[in-house]
PDB file of N, CA and C in Angstrom:
ATOM      1  N   UNK A   1      51.513  25.157  55.381  1.00  0.00           N
ATOM      2  CA  UNK A   1      52.066  24.019  56.148  1.00  0.00           C
ATOM      3  C   UNK A   1      52.956  23.405  55.562  1.00  0.00           C
ATOM      4  N   UNK A   2      54.232  22.990  55.798  1.00  0.00           N
ATOM      5  CA  UNK A   2      55.192  22.048  54.925  1.00  0.00           C
ATOM      6  C   UNK A   2      54.790  20.566  55.140  1.00  0.00           C
ATOM      7  N   UNK A   3      54.657  19.990  53.667  1.00  0.00           N
ATOM      8  CA  UNK A   3      54.092  18.695  53.474  1.00  0.00           C
ATOM      9  C   UNK A   3      54.859  17.530  54.835  1.00  0.00           C
ATOM     10  N   UNK A   4      54.379  16.770  54.953  1.00  0.00           N
ATOM     11  CA  UNK A   4      55.017  15.849  56.139  1.00  0.00           C
ATOM     12  C   UNK A   4      55.869  15.151  54.937  1.00  0.00           C
ATOM     13  N   UNK A   5      57.162  14.719  55.519  1.00  0.00           N
ATOM     14  CA  UNK A   5      58.341  13.761  54.365  1.00  0.00           C
ATOM     15  C   UNK A   5      58.219  12.664  54.025  1.00  0.00           C
ATOM     16  N   UNK A   6      57.124  11.948  55.184  1.00  0.00           N
ATOM     17  CA  UNK A   6      56.242  10.550  54.497  1.00  0.00           C
ATOM     18  C   UNK A   6      55.406  10.652  53.541  1.00  0.00           C
ATOM     19  N   UNK A   7      54.482  12.059  53.666  1.00  0.00           N
ATOM     20  CA  UNK A   7      53.781  12.282  52.316  1.00  0.00           C
ATOM     21  C   UNK A   7      54.593  12.667  51.146  1.00  0.00           C
ATOM     22  N   UNK A   8      55.504  13.083  50.970  1.00  0.00           N
ATOM     23  CA  UNK A   8      56.177  13.314  49.792  1.00  0.00           C
ATOM     24  C   UNK A   8      56.635  12.359  49.158  1.00  0.00           C
ATOM     25  N   UNK A   9      57.097  11.389  50.358  1.00  0.00           N
ATOM     26  CA  UNK A   9      57.603  10.094  49.815  1.00  0.00           C
ATOM     27  C   UNK A   9      56.806   9.020  49.123  1.00  0.00           C
ATOM     28  N   UNK A  10      55.900   9.154  49.653  1.00  0.00           N
ATOM     29  CA  UNK A  10      54.481   8.189  49.537  1.00  0.00           C
ATOM     30  C   UNK A  10      54.056   8.213  47.957  1.00  0.00           C
ATOM     31  N   UNK A  11      54.317   9.926  47.308  1.00  0.00           N
ATOM     32  CA  UNK A  11      53.904  10.507  46.079  1.00  0.00           C
ATOM     33  C   UNK A  11      55.145  10.140  45.338  1.00  0.00           C
ATOM     34  N   UNK A  12      56.288  10.299  45.682  1.00  0.00           N
ATOM     35  CA  UNK A  12      57.299   9.876  44.742  1.00  0.00           C
ATOM     36  C   UNK A  12      57.822   8.476  44.666  1.00  0.00           C
ATOM     37  N   UNK A  13      57.475   7.965  45.555  1.00  0.00           N
ATOM     38  CA  UNK A  13      57.948   6.175  45.581  1.00  0.00           C
ATOM     39  C   UNK A  13      56.320   5.654  45.850  1.00  0.00           C
ATOM     40  N   UNK A  14      56.150   5.351  44.397  1.00  0.00           N
ATOM     41  CA  UNK A  14      54.691   4.633  44.516  1.00  0.00           C
ATOM     42  C   UNK A  14      55.154   3.192  43.741  1.00  0.00           C
ATOM     43  N   UNK A  15      54.364   2.066  44.199  1.00  0.00           N
ATOM     44  CA  UNK A  15      54.214   1.354  43.833  1.00  0.00           C
ATOM     45  C   UNK A  15      53.666   0.718  42.588  1.00  0.00           C
ATOM     46  N   UNK A  16      52.954   2.062  42.045  1.00  0.00           N
ATOM     47  CA  UNK A  16      52.384   1.651  40.707  1.00  0.00           C
ATOM     48  C   UNK A  16      53.578   1.497  39.616  1.00  0.00           C
ATOM     49  N   UNK A  17      54.616   2.584  40.008  1.00  0.00           N
ATOM     50  CA  UNK A  17      55.483   2.325  38.860  1.00  0.00           C
ATOM     51  C   UNK A  17      56.159   0.984  38.428  1.00  0.00           C
ATOM     52  N   UNK A  18      55.814   1.458  36.948  1.00  0.00           N
ATOM     53  CA  UNK A  18      56.272   0.004  36.315  1.00  0.00           C
ATOM     54  C   UNK A  18      57.970  -0.306  36.352  1.00  0.00           C
ATOM     55  N   UNK A  19      59.031   0.381  37.163  1.00  0.00           N
ATOM     56  CA  UNK A  19      60.299   0.618  37.277  1.00  0.00           C
ATOM     57  C   UNK A  19      60.405  -0.253  38.272  1.00  0.00           C
ATOM     58  N   UNK A  20      59.591  -0.712  39.162  1.00  0.00           N
ATOM     59  CA  UNK A  20      59.811  -1.493  40.407  1.00  0.00           C
ATOM     60  C   UNK A  20      59.791  -2.888  39.479  1.00  0.00           C
ATOM     61  N   UNK A  21      60.961  -3.332  39.346  1.00  0.00           N
ATOM     62  CA  UNK A  21      60.648  -4.934  38.759  1.00  0.00           C
ATOM     63  C   UNK A  21      61.227  -5.486  40.002  1.00  0.00           C
ATOM     64  N   UNK A  22      60.705  -7.080  40.267  1.00  0.00           N
ATOM     65  CA  UNK A  22      61.300  -8.046  41.225  1.00  0.00           C
ATOM     66  C   UNK A  22      62.536  -8.107  41.479  1.00  0.00           C
ATOM     67  N   UNK A  23      63.394  -7.602  40.994  1.00  0.00           N
ATOM     68  CA  UNK A  23      64.712  -7.343  40.742  1.00  0.00           C
ATOM     69  C   UNK A  23      65.042  -6.713  41.615  1.00  0.00           C
ATOM     70  N   UNK A  24      64.757  -5.201  41.252  1.00  0.00           N
ATOM     71  CA  UNK A  24      64.970  -4.146  42.452  1.00  0.00           C
ATOM     72  C   UNK A  24      64.283  -3.787  43.205  1.00  0.00           C
ATOM     73  N   UNK A  25      63.329  -4.743  43.261  1.00  0.00           N
ATOM     74  CA  UNK A  25      62.248  -4.732  44.537  1.00  0.00           C
ATOM     75  C   UNK A  25      63.019  -5.476  45.423  1.00  0.00           C
ATOM     76  N   UNK A  26      63.610  -6.438  45.050  1.00  0.00           N
ATOM     77  CA  UNK A  26      64.418  -7.675  46.185  1.00  0.00           C
ATOM     78  C   UNK A  26      65.983  -6.930  46.751  1.00  0.00           C
ATOM     79  N   UNK A  27      66.805  -5.986  45.542  1.00  0.00           N
ATOM     80  CA  UNK A  27      67.377  -5.519  46.215  1.00  0.00           C
ATOM     81  C   UNK A  27      67.613  -4.517  47.509  1.00  0.00           C
ATOM     82  N   UNK A  28      66.524  -3.539  47.230  1.00  0.00           N
ATOM     83  CA  UNK A  28      66.159  -2.759  47.816  1.00  0.00           C
ATOM     84  C   UNK A  28      65.832  -3.234  49.302  1.00  0.00           C
ATOM     85  N   UNK A  29      65.169  -4.255  49.351  1.00  0.00           N
ATOM     86  CA  UNK A  29      64.735  -5.506  50.853  1.00  0.00           C
ATOM     87  C   UNK A  29      66.249  -5.880  51.603  1.00  0.00           C
ATOM     88  N   UNK A  30      67.572  -5.424  50.709  1.00  0.00           N
ATOM     89  CA  UNK A  30      68.958  -5.615  51.018  1.00  0.00           C
ATOM     90  C   UNK A  30      69.567  -4.659  51.794  1.00  0.00           C
ATOM     91  N   UNK A  31      68.943  -3.640  51.824  1.00  0.00           N
ATOM     92  CA  UNK A  31      69.236  -2.014  52.223  1.00  0.00           C
ATOM     93  C   UNK A  31      69.291  -2.194  53.541  1.00  0.00           C
ATOM     94  N   UNK A  32      70.564  -1.270  54.266  1.00  0.00           N
ATOM     95  CA  UNK A  32      70.683  -1.157  55.672  1.00  0.00           C
ATOM     96  C   UNK A  32      71.605  -0.690  55.748  1.00  0.00           C
ATOM     97  N   UNK A  33      71.222   0.242  57.038  1.00  0.00           N
ATOM     98  CA  UNK A  33      72.504   0.959  57.875  1.00  0.00           C
ATOM     99  C   UNK A  33      73.837   0.151  57.974  1.00  0.00           C
ATOM    100  N   UNK A  34      75.022   0.720  57.712  1.00  0.00           N
ATOM    101  CA  UNK A  34      76.302  -0.341  57.960  1.00  0.00           C
ATOM    102  C   UNK A  34      76.808  -0.348  59.434  1.00  0.00           C
ATOM    103  N   UNK A  35      76.770  -1.239  59.919  1.00  0.00           N
ATOM    104  CA  UNK A  35      77.675  -1.967  61.326  1.00  0.00           C
ATOM    105  C   UNK A  35      77.740  -0.624  62.185  1.00  0.00           C
ATOM    106  N   UNK A  36      78.751   0.325  61.602  1.00  0.00           N
ATOM    107  CA  UNK A  36      79.644   1.579  62.530  1.00  0.00           C
ATOM    108  C   UNK A  36      78.334   2.562  62.264  1.00  0.00           C
ATOM    109  N   UNK A  37      77.496   2.707  61.787  1.00  0.00           N
ATOM    110  CA  UNK A  37      76.758   3.220  61.726  1.00  0.00           C
ATOM    111  C   UNK A  37      75.219   3.206  62.578  1.00  0.00           C
ATOM    112  N   UNK A  38      75.252   1.557  62.635  1.00  0.00           N
ATOM    113  CA  UNK A  38      74.323   1.358  63.799  1.00  0.00           C
ATOM    114  C   UNK A  38      74.451   1.578  65.103  1.00  0.00           C
ATOM    115  N   UNK A  39      75.829   1.283  65.615  1.00  0.00           N
ATOM    116  CA  UNK A  39      76.981   1.785  66.608  1.00  0.00           C
ATOM    117  C   UNK A  39      76.704   3.280  67.096  1.00  0.00           C
ATOM    118  N   UNK A  40      76.907   4.060  66.275  1.00  0.00           N
ATOM    119  CA  UNK A  40      76.871   5.474  66.466  1.00  0.00           C
ATOM    120  C   UNK A  40      75.479   5.485  66.809  1.00  0.00           C
ATOM    121  N   UNK A  41      74.650   5.430  66.231  1.00  0.00           N
ATOM    122  CA  UNK A  41      73.096   6.012  66.723  1.00  0.00           C
ATOM    123  C   UNK A  41      72.445   5.345  68.216  1.00  0.00           C
ATOM    124  N   UNK A  42      73.098   4.094  68.335  1.00  0.00           N
ATOM    125  CA  UNK A  42      73.108   3.462  69.245  1.00  0.00           C
ATOM    126  C   UNK A  42      73.781   3.919  70.416  1.00  0.00           C
ATOM    127  N   UNK A  43      74.584   4.546  70.323  1.00  0.00           N
ATOM    128  CA  UNK A  43      75.437   5.976  71.268  1.00  0.00           C
ATOM    129  C   UNK A  43      74.609   6.811  71.338  1.00  0.00           C
ATOM    130  N   UNK A  44      74.423   7.669  70.363  1.00  0.00           N
ATOM    131  CA  UNK A  44      73.562   8.690  70.058  1.00  0.00           C
ATOM    132  C   UNK A  44      72.468   8.395  71.190  1.00  0.00           C
ATOM    133  N   UNK A  45      71.633   7.332  71.078  1.00  0.00           N
ATOM    134  CA  UNK A  45      70.257   7.115  71.227  1.00  0.00           C
ATOM    135  C   UNK A  45      70.430   6.826  73.288  1.00  0.00           C
ATOM    136  N   UNK A  46      71.124   6.300  73.130  1.00  0.00           N
ATOM    137  CA  UNK A  46      72.187   6.562  74.893  1.00  0.00           C
ATOM    138  C   UNK A  46      72.198   7.353  75.751  1.00  0.00           C
ATOM    139  N   UNK A  47      72.914   8.512  74.924  1.00  0.00           N
ATOM    140  CA  UNK A  47      72.900   9.649  75.096  1.00  0.00           C
ATOM    141  C   UNK A  47      71.955  10.649  75.540  1.00  0.00           C
ATOM    142  N   UNK A  48      71.195  10.364  74.560  1.00  0.00           N
ATOM    143  CA  UNK A  48      69.602  11.183  74.230  1.00  0.00           C
ATOM    144  C   UNK A  48      69.210  10.498  75.650  1.00  0.00           C
ATOM    145  N   UNK A  49      68.941   9.444  75.874  1.00  0.00           N
ATOM    146  CA  UNK A  49      68.114   9.131  76.829  1.00  0.00           C
ATOM    147  C   UNK A  49      68.564   9.411  78.577  1.00  0.00           C
ATOM    148  N   UNK A  50      70.014   9.518  78.233  1.00  0.00           N
ATOM    149  CA  UNK A  50      70.364  10.164  79.641  1.00  0.00           C
ATOM    150  C   UNK A  50      70.552  11.466  80.271  1.00  0.00           C
ATOM    151  N   UNK A  51      70.192  12.439  78.698  1.00  0.00           N
ATOM    152  CA  UNK A  51      70.471  13.626  78.741  1.00  0.00           C
ATOM    153  C   UNK A  51      71.407  14.369  78.897  1.00  0.00           C
ATOM    154  N   UNK A  52      72.669  13.512  78.291  1.00  0.00           N
ATOM    155  CA  UNK A  52      73.766  14.141  78.127  1.00  0.00           C
ATOM    156  C   UNK A  52      74.263  14.426  76.517  1.00  0.00           C
ATOM    157  N   UNK A  53      73.519  14.428  75.683  1.00  0.00           N
ATOM    158  CA  UNK A  53      73.243  14.587  73.928  1.00  0.00           C
ATOM    159  C   UNK A  53      73.932  15.978  74.001  1.00  0.00           C
ATOM    160  N   UNK A  54      74.334  16.318  72.952  1.00  0.00           N
ATOM    161  CA  UNK A  54      74.606  17.924  72.606  1.00  0.00           C
ATOM    162  C   UNK A  54      73.984  18.099  71.710  1.00  0.00           C
ATOM    163  N   UNK A  55      73.606  19.638  71.057  1.00  0.00           N
ATOM    164  CA  UNK A  55      72.626  19.726  69.951  1.00  0.00           C
ATOM    165  C   UNK A  55      73.423  19.259  69.089  1.00  0.00           C
ATOM    166  N   UNK A  56      74.558  19.392  68.421  1.00  0.00           N
ATOM    167  CA  UNK A  56      75.334  18.598  67.209  1.00  0.00           C
ATOM    168  C   UNK A  56      74.847  16.947  67.325  1.00  0.00           C
ATOM    169  N   UNK A  57      75.074  16.683  68.217  1.00  0.00           N
ATOM    170  CA  UNK A  57      74.883  15.257  68.092  1.00  0.00           C
ATOM    171  C   UNK A  57      73.423  14.424  68.384  1.00  0.00           C
ATOM    172  N   UNK A  58      71.903  15.495  68.434  1.00  0.00           N
ATOM    173  CA  UNK A  58      71.120  15.920  68.604  1.00  0.00           C
ATOM    174  C   UNK A  58      70.823  15.741  67.087  1.00  0.00           C
ATOM    175  N   UNK A  59      71.509  16.706  66.203  1.00  0.00           N
ATOM    176  CA  UNK A  59      71.237  16.902  64.680  1.00  0.00           C
ATOM    177  C   UNK A  59      71.510  15.243  64.278  1.00  0.00           C
ATOM    178  N   UNK A  60      72.751  14.873  64.645  1.00  0.00           N
ATOM    179  CA  UNK A  60      73.190  13.796  63.612  1.00  0.00           C
ATOM    180  C   UNK A  60      72.458  12.282  64.200  1.00  0.00           C
ATOM    181  N   UNK A  61      71.465  12.178  65.250  1.00  0.00           N
ATOM    182  CA  UNK A  61      70.489  11.147  65.935  1.00  0.00           C
ATOM    183  C   UNK A  61      69.312  11.551  64.737  1.00  0.00           C
ATOM    184  N   UNK A  62      69.067  12.675  64.639  1.00  0.00           N
ATOM    185  CA  UNK A  62      67.762  12.912  64.021  1.00  0.00           C
ATOM    186  C   UNK A  62      68.074  12.746  62.284  1.00  0.00           C
ATOM    187  N   UNK A  63      69.533  12.505  61.810  1.00  0.00           N
ATOM    188  CA  UNK A  63      69.997  12.214  60.542  1.00  0.00           C
ATOM    189  C   UNK A  63      69.789  10.777  60.347  1.00  0.00           C
ATOM    190  N   UNK A  64      70.778   9.975  61.232  1.00  0.00           N
ATOM    191  CA  UNK A  64      70.316   8.729  61.565  1.00  0.00           C
ATOM    192  C   UNK A  64      68.942   8.002  61.429  1.00  0.00           C
ATOM    193  N   UNK A  65      68.172   8.699  62.453  1.00  0.00           N
ATOM    194  CA  UNK A  65      66.862   8.305  62.234  1.00  0.00           C
ATOM    195  C   UNK A  65      65.906   8.822  61.371  1.00  0.00           C
ATOM    196  N   UNK A  66      66.146   9.522  60.518  1.00  0.00           N
ATOM    197  CA  UNK A  66      65.294  10.048  58.800  1.00  0.00           C
ATOM    198  C   UNK A  66      66.200   8.770  58.252  1.00  0.00           C
ATOM    199  N   UNK A  67      67.204   8.534  58.240  1.00  0.00           N
ATOM    200  CA  UNK A  67      67.801   7.659  56.861  1.00  0.00           C
ATOM    201  C   UNK A  67      67.228   6.289  57.366  1.00  0.00           C
ATOM    202  N   UNK A  68      67.315   6.448  58.627  1.00  0.00           N
ATOM    203  CA  UNK A  68      66.698   4.511  58.927  1.00  0.00           C
ATOM    204  C   UNK A  68      64.907   4.831  58.203  1.00  0.00           C
ATOM    205  N   UNK A  69      64.144   5.877  58.708  1.00  0.00           N
ATOM    206  CA  UNK A  69      62.616   5.381  58.328  1.00  0.00           C
ATOM    207  C   UNK A  69      62.759   5.355  56.654  1.00  0.00           C
ATOM    208  N   UNK A  70      63.417   6.449  55.998  1.00  0.00           N
ATOM    209  CA  UNK A  70      63.378   6.246  54.602  1.00  0.00           C
ATOM    210  C   UNK A  70      63.843   4.765  54.127  1.00  0.00           C
ATOM    211  N   UNK A  71      64.746   4.289  54.629  1.00  0.00           N
ATOM    212  CA  UNK A  71      65.014   2.984  54.124  1.00  0.00           C
ATOM    213  C   UNK A  71      64.132   2.048  54.420  1.00  0.00           C
ATOM    214  N   UNK A  72      63.220   1.999  55.709  1.00  0.00           N
ATOM    215  CA  UNK A  72      62.226   1.180  56.166  1.00  0.00           C
ATOM    216  C   UNK A  72      60.701   1.282  55.131  1.00  0.00           C
ATOM    217  N   UNK A  73      60.712   2.768  54.954  1.00  0.00           N
ATOM    218  CA  UNK A  73      59.528   2.942  53.756  1.00  0.00           C
ATOM    219  C   UNK A  73      60.011   2.601  52.425  1.00  0.00           C
ATOM    220  N   UNK A  74      61.041   2.350  51.664  1.00  0.00           N
ATOM    221  CA  UNK A  74      61.499   2.042  50.894  1.00  0.00           C
ATOM    222  C   UNK A  74      61.236   0.679  50.971  1.00  0.00           C
ATOM    223  N   UNK A  75      61.563  -0.020  51.874  1.00  0.00           N
ATOM    224  CA  UNK A  75      61.269  -1.950  52.017  1.00  0.00           C
ATOM    225  C   UNK A  75      59.946  -2.252  51.886  1.00  0.00           C
ATOM    226  N   UNK A  76      59.254  -1.147  52.421  1.00  0.00           N
ATOM    227  CA  UNK A  76      57.422  -1.894  52.616  1.00  0.00           C
ATOM    228  C   UNK A  76      57.107  -1.491  51.468  1.00  0.00           C
ATOM    229  N   UNK A  77      57.763  -0.364  50.595  1.00  0.00           N
ATOM    230  CA  UNK A  77      56.857  -0.179  49.165  1.00  0.00           C
ATOM    231  C   UNK A  77      57.650  -1.378  48.341  1.00  0.00           C
ATOM    232  N   UNK A  78      59.021  -1.531  48.562  1.00  0.00           N
ATOM    233  CA  UNK A  78      59.221  -3.169  47.875  1.00  0.00           C
ATOM    234  C   UNK A  78      58.292  -3.897  48.117  1.00  0.00           C
ATOM    235  N   UNK A  79      57.902  -4.596  49.374  1.00  0.00           N
ATOM    236  CA  UNK A  79      57.504  -5.141  49.850  1.00  0.00           C
ATOM    237  C   UNK A  79      56.220  -5.717  49.106  1.00  0.00           C
ATOM    238  N   UNK A  80      55.201  -4.528  49.114  1.00  0.00           N
ATOM    239  CA  UNK A  80      54.319  -4.088  48.703  1.00  0.00           C
ATOM    240  C   UNK A  80      54.185  -4.418  46.815  1.00  0.00           C
ATOM    241  N   UNK A  81      55.201  -3.921  46.416  1.00  0.00           N
ATOM    242  CA  UNK A  81      55.304  -4.066  45.043  1.00  0.00           C
ATOM    243  C   UNK A  81      55.781  -5.615  44.189  1.00  0.00           C
ATOM    244  N   UNK A  82      56.237  -6.236  45.456  1.00  0.00           N
ATOM    245  CA  UNK A  82      56.382  -7.766  44.891  1.00  0.00           C
ATOM    246  C   UNK A  82      54.885  -8.503  45.051  1.00  0.00           C
ATOM    247  N   UNK A  83      54.661  -8.251  46.336  1.00  0.00           N
ATOM    248  CA  UNK A  83      53.116  -8.737  46.441  1.00  0.00           C
ATOM    249  C   UNK A  83      51.974  -8.459  44.818  1.00  0.00           C
ATOM    250  N   UNK A  84      51.868  -6.924  44.789  1.00  0.00           N
ATOM    251  CA  UNK A  84      51.047  -6.420  43.933  1.00  0.00           C
ATOM    252  C   UNK A  84      51.271  -7.553  42.265  1.00  0.00           C
ATOM    253  N   UNK A  85      52.678  -8.021  42.069  1.00  0.00           N
ATOM    254  CA  UNK A  85      53.251  -8.434  40.967  1.00  0.00           C
ATOM    255  C   UNK A  85      52.918 -10.144  41.368  1.00  0.00           C
ATOM    256  N   UNK A  86      52.783 -10.647  42.417  1.00  0.00           N
ATOM    257  CA  UNK A  86      52.605 -11.878  42.699  1.00  0.00           C
ATOM    258  C   UNK A  86      53.931 -12.837  42.696  1.00  0.00           C
ATOM    259  N   UNK A  87      55.366 -11.847  42.946  1.00  0.00           N
ATOM    260  CA  UNK A  87      56.439 -12.089  43.022  1.00  0.00           C
ATOM    261  C   UNK A  87      57.058 -12.447  44.801  1.00  0.00           C
ATOM    262  N   UNK A  88      56.177 -12.190  45.360  1.00  0.00           N
ATOM    263  CA  UNK A  88      56.615 -12.211  46.744  1.00  0.00           C
ATOM    264  C   UNK A  88      56.877 -13.599  47.412  1.00  0.00           C
ATOM    265  N   UNK A  89      58.423 -13.878  47.956  1.00  0.00           N
ATOM    266  CA  UNK A  89      58.446 -15.253  48.333  1.00  0.00           C
ATOM    267  C   UNK A  89      57.098 -15.797  49.182  1.00  0.00           C
TER     268      UNK A  89
END
């Protein structure tokens, strides 16, 4: 059974890594999808809800969702790193 992406990421992106400086963590907190990507993802979600999404569009939506989850995961790790270092605002 293949490992879940989240489990692999947890092992790869650990807050115990000393390279997570407060500055790096704060920079990660600024990560976000570009506006055109957010609009396209919203369009694809609407198509999926209406049942009119094509297979190619479904794959594209999955890519947007995967990248969004990765960004949120990295932000969560950055927050934990800042808290562990006592550098959280």
